[in-house]
Amino acid sequence: MIILACGILIGISIFLLLEPSITRRVFGLVLLGSTINIILLICGRLYSIHPVFINGKAIKMANPLPQALILTAIVIGFGLLAFLCALLKKILTKNGS
């Protein structure tokens, strides 16, 4: 079910990226980045198959690699969004519309 929702969100983001309006393209890029982060979280499983042993007992622990990748992607996506907003502001002030 979540995979189907992610597929729909990717379709919507690609539709927004193909629009002629620059603001819709920015929204499409942000939506695409968020959807890819969700897909990374799903592919990384919430619990690893081979958990860490603490006090001789195996406990379920979250897999840290997908979480680190998603955190890095969020930071890079925020920087890209800030750059796109500055670029959009410059274009709008230069063209006047």
N, C-alpha and C. Protein backbone atom coordinates (compact mmCIF):
# COMPACT_ATOMS: atom_id res chain seq x y z
N MET A 1 0.81 -1.19 0.00
CA MET A 1 0.00 0.00 0.00
C MET A 1 0.86 1.27 0.00
N ILE A 2 1.94 1.22 0.80
CA ILE A 2 2.81 2.39 0.85
C ILE A 2 3.55 2.55 -0.47
N ILE A 3 3.91 1.42 -1.09
CA ILE A 3 4.60 1.48 -2.38
C ILE A 3 3.69 2.11 -3.44
N LEU A 4 2.41 1.77 -3.40
CA LEU A 4 1.46 2.36 -4.35
C LEU A 4 1.35 3.87 -4.12
N ALA A 5 1.30 4.29 -2.87
CA ALA A 5 1.24 5.72 -2.56
C ALA A 5 2.51 6.42 -3.02
N CYS A 6 3.65 5.77 -2.86
CA CYS A 6 4.91 6.37 -3.33
C CYS A 6 4.93 6.48 -4.85
N GLY A 7 4.40 5.48 -5.52
CA GLY A 7 4.31 5.55 -6.98
C GLY A 7 3.43 6.69 -7.45
N ILE A 8 2.32 6.89 -6.76
CA ILE A 8 1.42 8.01 -7.10
C ILE A 8 2.11 9.34 -6.86
N LEU A 9 2.84 9.45 -5.73
CA LEU A 9 3.55 10.69 -5.43
C LEU A 9 4.66 10.97 -6.44
N ILE A 10 5.34 9.93 -6.91
CA ILE A 10 6.36 10.13 -7.94
C ILE A 10 5.72 10.58 -9.24
N GLY A 11 4.56 10.00 -9.58
CA GLY A 11 3.85 10.44 -10.78
C GLY A 11 3.43 11.90 -10.70
N ILE A 12 2.92 12.30 -9.54
CA ILE A 12 2.52 13.70 -9.36
C ILE A 12 3.73 14.62 -9.45
N SER A 13 4.85 14.22 -8.84
CA SER A 13 6.03 15.07 -8.88
C SER A 13 6.60 15.19 -10.29
N ILE A 14 6.57 14.12 -11.06
CA ILE A 14 7.03 14.20 -12.45
C ILE A 14 6.09 15.09 -13.27
N PHE A 15 4.78 14.99 -13.00
CA PHE A 15 3.84 15.87 -13.67
C PHE A 15 4.14 17.33 -13.35
N LEU A 16 4.45 17.63 -12.08
CA LEU A 16 4.77 19.00 -11.70
C LEU A 16 6.09 19.45 -12.30
N LEU A 17 7.04 18.54 -12.43
CA LEU A 17 8.32 18.91 -13.04
C LEU A 17 8.19 19.25 -14.52
N LEU A 18 7.18 18.70 -15.19
CA LEU A 18 7.00 18.95 -16.62
C LEU A 18 6.15 20.18 -16.90
N GLU A 19 5.65 20.84 -15.87
CA GLU A 19 4.85 22.06 -16.05
C GLU A 19 5.75 23.22 -16.46
N PRO A 20 5.21 24.18 -17.21
CA PRO A 20 6.03 25.33 -17.62
C PRO A 20 6.31 26.33 -16.49
N SER A 21 5.50 26.34 -15.44
CA SER A 21 5.68 27.28 -14.34
C SER A 21 6.87 26.86 -13.47
N ILE A 22 7.70 27.82 -13.14
CA ILE A 22 8.90 27.52 -12.35
C ILE A 22 8.54 27.12 -10.93
N THR A 23 7.53 27.76 -10.34
CA THR A 23 7.15 27.41 -8.97
C THR A 23 6.62 25.98 -8.88
N ARG A 24 5.89 25.54 -9.88
CA ARG A 24 5.42 24.15 -9.88
C ARG A 24 6.57 23.18 -10.03
N ARG A 25 7.58 23.58 -10.78
CA ARG A 25 8.76 22.72 -10.91
C ARG A 25 9.48 22.59 -9.57
N VAL A 26 9.55 23.69 -8.83
CA VAL A 26 10.18 23.63 -7.51
C VAL A 26 9.38 22.73 -6.58
N PHE A 27 8.05 22.86 -6.59
CA PHE A 27 7.20 21.98 -5.77
C PHE A 27 7.37 20.52 -6.17
N GLY A 28 7.49 20.27 -7.47
CA GLY A 28 7.70 18.91 -7.96
C GLY A 28 9.02 18.34 -7.49
N LEU A 29 10.06 19.17 -7.47
CA LEU A 29 11.37 18.72 -7.02
C LEU A 29 11.36 18.40 -5.52
N VAL A 30 10.70 19.24 -4.74
CA VAL A 30 10.61 18.99 -3.29
C VAL A 30 9.80 17.72 -3.02
N LEU A 31 8.70 17.54 -3.74
CA LEU A 31 7.87 16.35 -3.56
C LEU A 31 8.63 15.09 -3.98
N LEU A 32 9.39 15.17 -5.05
CA LEU A 32 10.18 14.03 -5.50
C LEU A 32 11.25 13.66 -4.47
N GLY A 33 11.91 14.65 -3.89
CA GLY A 33 12.91 14.37 -2.87
C GLY A 33 12.32 13.71 -1.64
N SER A 34 11.16 14.19 -1.21
CA SER A 34 10.50 13.61 -0.04
C SER A 34 10.06 12.18 -0.31
N THR A 35 9.56 11.93 -1.51
CA THR A 35 9.11 10.58 -1.87
C THR A 35 10.29 9.61 -1.94
N ILE A 36 11.40 10.06 -2.47
CA ILE A 36 12.59 9.22 -2.52
C ILE A 36 13.08 8.89 -1.11
N ASN A 37 12.97 9.85 -0.19
CA ASN A 37 13.34 9.58 1.20
C ASN A 37 12.45 8.51 1.82
N ILE A 38 11.16 8.55 1.53
CA ILE A 38 10.24 7.53 2.04
C ILE A 38 10.59 6.16 1.45
N ILE A 39 10.92 6.13 0.17
CA ILE A 39 11.29 4.87 -0.47
C ILE A 39 12.57 4.30 0.14
N LEU A 40 13.54 5.18 0.43
CA LEU A 40 14.77 4.72 1.09
C LEU A 40 14.48 4.13 2.46
N LEU A 41 13.57 4.74 3.19
CA LEU A 41 13.22 4.23 4.51
C LEU A 41 12.53 2.87 4.41
N ILE A 42 11.66 2.71 3.42
CA ILE A 42 10.97 1.43 3.24
C ILE A 42 11.96 0.34 2.81
N CYS A 43 12.86 0.67 1.89
CA CYS A 43 13.83 -0.33 1.42
C CYS A 43 14.82 -0.72 2.49
N GLY A 44 15.09 0.14 3.45
CA GLY A 44 16.06 -0.15 4.48
C GLY A 44 15.51 -0.94 5.63
N ARG A 45 14.24 -1.26 5.62
CA ARG A 45 13.57 -1.99 6.69
C ARG A 45 13.70 -1.24 8.01
N LEU A 46 12.66 -1.27 8.78
CA LEU A 46 12.70 -0.60 10.07
C LEU A 46 13.52 -1.36 11.09
N TYR A 47 13.55 -2.68 10.97
CA TYR A 47 14.35 -3.50 11.88
C TYR A 47 15.30 -4.35 11.06
N SER A 48 16.52 -4.45 11.53
CA SER A 48 17.50 -5.24 10.80
C SER A 48 17.29 -6.73 11.08
N ILE A 49 17.79 -7.57 10.21
CA ILE A 49 17.64 -9.02 10.36
C ILE A 49 18.58 -9.52 11.47
N HIS A 50 19.78 -9.01 11.52
CA HIS A 50 20.77 -9.44 12.51
C HIS A 50 21.00 -8.31 13.51
N PRO A 51 20.25 -8.32 14.60
CA PRO A 51 20.38 -7.21 15.56
C PRO A 51 21.66 -7.31 16.38
N VAL A 52 21.97 -6.23 17.04
CA VAL A 52 23.13 -6.16 17.91
C VAL A 52 22.80 -6.89 19.21
N PHE A 53 23.77 -7.57 19.77
CA PHE A 53 23.57 -8.28 21.03
C PHE A 53 23.96 -7.37 22.20
N ILE A 54 23.04 -7.22 23.11
CA ILE A 54 23.29 -6.44 24.32
C ILE A 54 22.93 -7.33 25.51
N ASN A 55 23.87 -7.50 26.42
CA ASN A 55 23.68 -8.36 27.60
C ASN A 55 23.31 -9.79 27.22
N GLY A 56 23.84 -10.29 26.12
CA GLY A 56 23.60 -11.66 25.73
C GLY A 56 22.24 -11.91 25.10
N LYS A 57 21.40 -10.88 24.97
CA LYS A 57 20.07 -11.05 24.37
C LYS A 57 20.00 -10.27 23.06
N ALA A 58 19.39 -10.89 22.07
CA ALA A 58 19.20 -10.21 20.79
C ALA A 58 17.96 -9.33 20.87
N ILE A 59 18.12 -8.07 20.55
CA ILE A 59 16.97 -7.15 20.54
C ILE A 59 16.84 -6.56 19.15
N LYS A 60 15.65 -6.11 18.83
CA LYS A 60 15.43 -5.48 17.53
C LYS A 60 15.89 -4.03 17.61
N MET A 61 16.76 -3.67 16.68
CA MET A 61 17.24 -2.30 16.60
C MET A 61 17.02 -1.79 15.19
N ALA A 62 16.82 -0.51 15.06
CA ALA A 62 16.63 0.08 13.75
C ALA A 62 17.95 0.06 12.97
N ASN A 63 17.84 -0.08 11.67
CA ASN A 63 19.01 -0.08 10.81
C ASN A 63 19.49 1.36 10.65
N PRO A 64 20.71 1.70 11.04
CA PRO A 64 21.15 3.10 11.02
C PRO A 64 21.54 3.62 9.64
N LEU A 65 21.88 2.74 8.69
CA LEU A 65 22.33 3.21 7.39
C LEU A 65 21.26 3.96 6.61
N PRO A 66 20.03 3.44 6.47
CA PRO A 66 19.01 4.23 5.75
C PRO A 66 18.68 5.54 6.47
N GLN A 67 18.75 5.53 7.79
CA GLN A 67 18.47 6.76 8.52
C GLN A 67 19.55 7.81 8.25
N ALA A 68 20.79 7.38 8.16
CA ALA A 68 21.87 8.32 7.85
C ALA A 68 21.75 8.84 6.43
N LEU A 69 21.38 7.96 5.49
CA LEU A 69 21.20 8.39 4.10
C LEU A 69 20.05 9.39 3.98
N ILE A 70 18.96 9.15 4.70
CA ILE A 70 17.81 10.04 4.64
C ILE A 70 18.15 11.39 5.27
N LEU A 71 18.86 11.38 6.38
CA LEU A 71 19.26 12.64 7.02
C LEU A 71 20.14 13.45 6.09
N THR A 72 21.07 12.80 5.42
CA THR A 72 21.93 13.50 4.46
C THR A 72 21.10 14.03 3.29
N ALA A 73 20.15 13.25 2.81
CA ALA A 73 19.30 13.69 1.70
C ALA A 73 18.43 14.87 2.10
N ILE A 74 17.96 14.90 3.34
CA ILE A 74 17.15 16.02 3.81
C ILE A 74 17.98 17.30 3.84
N VAL A 75 19.22 17.21 4.32
CA VAL A 75 20.09 18.39 4.37
C VAL A 75 20.42 18.89 2.97
N ILE A 76 20.76 17.99 2.07
CA ILE A 76 21.06 18.38 0.69
C ILE A 76 19.81 18.95 0.01
N GLY A 77 18.66 18.33 0.25
CA GLY A 77 17.41 18.84 -0.32
C GLY A 77 17.06 20.22 0.18
N PHE A 78 17.31 20.49 1.46
CA PHE A 78 17.05 21.82 2.00
C PHE A 78 17.96 22.86 1.37
N GLY A 79 19.23 22.51 1.19
CA GLY A 79 20.16 23.43 0.52
C GLY A 79 19.76 23.70 -0.92
N LEU A 80 19.31 22.66 -1.62
CA LEU A 80 18.85 22.83 -2.99
C LEU A 80 17.59 23.68 -3.05
N LEU A 81 16.69 23.50 -2.09
CA LEU A 81 15.47 24.30 -2.04
C LEU A 81 15.80 25.77 -1.78
N ALA A 82 16.74 26.04 -0.87
CA ALA A 82 17.13 27.42 -0.60
C ALA A 82 17.74 28.07 -1.84
N PHE A 83 18.59 27.32 -2.55
CA PHE A 83 19.18 27.84 -3.79
C PHE A 83 18.11 28.11 -4.84
N LEU A 84 17.15 27.18 -4.99
CA LEU A 84 16.09 27.38 -5.97
C LEU A 84 15.19 28.56 -5.63
N CYS A 85 14.92 28.76 -4.34
CA CYS A 85 14.11 29.92 -3.95
C CYS A 85 14.83 31.23 -4.23
N ALA A 86 16.14 31.28 -3.96
CA ALA A 86 16.92 32.48 -4.28
C ALA A 86 16.97 32.73 -5.78
N LEU A 87 17.14 31.65 -6.55
CA LEU A 87 17.16 31.77 -8.00
C LEU A 87 15.80 32.21 -8.53
N LEU A 88 14.74 31.68 -7.97
CA LEU A 88 13.38 32.07 -8.38
C LEU A 88 13.11 33.54 -8.06
N LYS A 89 13.56 34.00 -6.90
CA LYS A 89 13.38 35.41 -6.55
C LYS A 89 14.14 36.31 -7.51
N LYS A 90 15.36 35.92 -7.87
CA LYS A 90 16.16 36.71 -8.81
C LYS A 90 15.51 36.76 -10.18
N ILE A 91 14.97 35.63 -10.64
CA ILE A 91 14.30 35.60 -11.94
C ILE A 91 13.04 36.47 -11.93
N LEU A 92 12.27 36.40 -10.84
CA LEU A 92 11.04 37.18 -10.77
C LEU A 92 11.32 38.68 -10.68
N THR A 93 12.39 39.08 -9.98
CA THR A 93 12.71 40.51 -9.92
C THR A 93 13.28 41.01 -11.24
N LYS A 94 13.98 40.15 -11.97
CA LYS A 94 14.56 40.57 -13.25
C LYS A 94 13.48 40.68 -14.33
N ASN A 95 12.58 39.72 -14.37
CA ASN A 95 11.54 39.71 -15.41
C ASN A 95 10.30 40.51 -15.01
N GLY A 96 10.09 40.69 -13.72
CA GLY A 96 8.93 41.47 -13.29
C GLY A 96 7.63 40.70 -13.26
N SER A 97 7.66 39.41 -13.49
CA SER A 97 6.42 38.62 -13.43
C SER A 97 6.71 37.24 -12.89
